[in-house]
Amino acid sequence: MRTDHVISKLDPSIRLTIRRIEIIDLLKAGLVEKEIGVRLNITRDTVAEHLGEAMRLLGAHTSAQLVALAAAHGFIELPVPPPPAPDGPVPGPQ
């Protein structure tokens, strides 16, 4: 059983196991509990237990909140959105 923990960058009293972080990262990628379980070779119930404990530790009430809070605490990274398109025509070669 994996018991390594990662400490939050915002609150050192909050620690998540490597497995919980892995599950949150798969959730961020759009997988549902059953798909995460298949990917990690664990049951859907085990996935739900890990997610529930992570939600409790981070104070999240939804999956979206869990992902956002996990990113805020430095457990996972969120993709950087592309810069906004410029207003007006894009200058081309002259």
Protein backbone atom coordinates (compact mmCIF):
# COMPACT_ATOMS: atom_id res chain seq x y z
CA MET A 1 0.00 0.00 0.00
CA ARG A 2 1.29 3.46 -0.91
CA THR A 3 1.46 5.81 2.05
CA ASP A 4 3.66 8.62 0.72
CA HIS A 5 2.14 12.04 1.35
CA VAL A 6 2.53 15.42 -0.29
CA ILE A 7 2.17 18.52 1.87
CA SER A 8 0.02 21.45 0.75
CA LYS A 9 1.87 24.58 -0.33
CA LEU A 10 -0.83 26.72 1.32
CA ASP A 11 -1.41 24.83 4.56
CA PRO A 12 1.28 22.43 5.87
CA SER A 13 -1.34 20.67 8.01
CA ILE A 14 -3.03 19.36 4.83
CA ARG A 15 -1.48 16.26 3.29
CA LEU A 16 -2.74 14.10 0.44
CA THR A 17 -1.45 10.67 -0.48
CA ILE A 18 0.16 10.14 -3.85
CA ARG A 19 -2.78 7.87 -4.76
CA ARG A 20 -5.36 10.58 -3.95
CA ILE A 21 -3.45 13.09 -6.04
CA GLU A 22 -3.30 10.58 -8.90
CA ILE A 23 -7.07 10.09 -8.67
CA ILE A 24 -7.75 13.85 -8.61
CA ASP A 25 -5.52 14.28 -11.66
CA LEU A 26 -7.55 11.64 -13.54
CA LEU A 27 -10.75 13.36 -12.42
CA LYS A 28 -9.33 16.62 -13.82
CA ALA A 29 -8.75 14.82 -17.13
CA GLY A 30 -12.48 14.07 -17.31
CA LEU A 31 -12.60 10.46 -16.15
CA VAL A 32 -15.47 9.30 -13.92
CA GLU A 33 -15.04 7.09 -10.85
CA LYS A 34 -15.57 3.81 -12.74
CA GLU A 35 -13.04 4.77 -15.43
CA ILE A 36 -10.51 5.86 -12.80
CA GLY A 37 -10.96 2.52 -11.03
CA VAL A 38 -10.36 0.58 -14.24
CA ARG A 39 -7.31 2.70 -15.07
CA LEU A 40 -5.79 2.18 -11.59
CA ASN A 41 -7.06 -1.39 -11.11
CA ILE A 42 -9.07 -0.50 -8.00
CA THR A 43 -12.80 -0.60 -7.34
CA ARG A 44 -15.13 2.34 -7.98
CA ASP A 45 -15.89 2.30 -4.23
CA THR A 46 -12.20 2.71 -3.42
CA VAL A 47 -12.00 5.64 -5.85
CA ALA A 48 -15.06 7.19 -4.16
CA GLU A 49 -13.47 6.75 -0.72
CA HIS A 50 -10.26 8.48 -1.86
CA LEU A 51 -12.20 11.34 -3.46
CA GLY A 52 -14.43 11.72 -0.39
CA GLU A 53 -11.46 11.93 1.94
CA ALA A 54 -9.67 14.42 -0.34
CA MET A 55 -12.85 16.53 -0.48
CA ARG A 56 -13.10 16.46 3.30
CA LEU A 57 -9.46 17.46 3.77
CA LEU A 58 -9.64 20.32 1.27
CA GLY A 59 -13.17 21.47 2.16
CA ALA A 60 -14.57 20.79 -1.31
CA HIS A 61 -18.25 20.10 -1.96
CA THR A 62 -18.08 19.24 -5.66
CA SER A 63 -15.64 17.55 -8.01
CA ALA A 64 -14.93 20.87 -9.70
CA GLN A 65 -14.12 22.46 -6.32
CA LEU A 66 -11.88 19.52 -5.47
CA VAL A 67 -9.85 19.97 -8.66
CA ALA A 68 -9.62 23.76 -8.17
CA LEU A 69 -8.60 23.44 -4.52
CA ALA A 70 -6.08 20.69 -5.27
CA ALA A 71 -4.49 23.02 -7.82
CA ALA A 72 -4.55 25.97 -5.40
CA HIS A 73 -2.77 23.85 -2.78
CA GLY A 74 -0.14 22.79 -5.33
CA PHE A 75 -1.14 19.12 -5.55
CA ILE A 76 -1.95 19.23 -9.28
CA GLU A 77 -1.42 21.64 -12.15
CA LEU A 78 -4.16 23.11 -14.29
CA PRO A 79 -3.54 23.87 -17.97
CA VAL A 80 -2.72 27.47 -18.80
CA PRO A 81 -5.40 28.98 -21.06
CA PRO A 82 -4.21 30.46 -24.36
CA PRO A 83 -3.89 34.24 -24.54
CA PRO A 84 -6.94 36.12 -25.80
CA ALA A 85 -7.16 36.84 -29.52
CA PRO A 86 -6.15 40.37 -30.45
CA ASP A 87 -8.88 42.87 -31.25
CA GLY A 88 -9.22 43.80 -34.91
CA PRO A 89 -7.34 42.37 -37.86
CA VAL A 90 -4.09 40.55 -37.26
CA PRO A 91 -1.24 42.35 -38.99
CA GLY A 92 0.28 40.29 -41.78
CA PRO A 93 3.43 40.64 -43.80
CA GLN A 94 3.73 44.02 -45.48
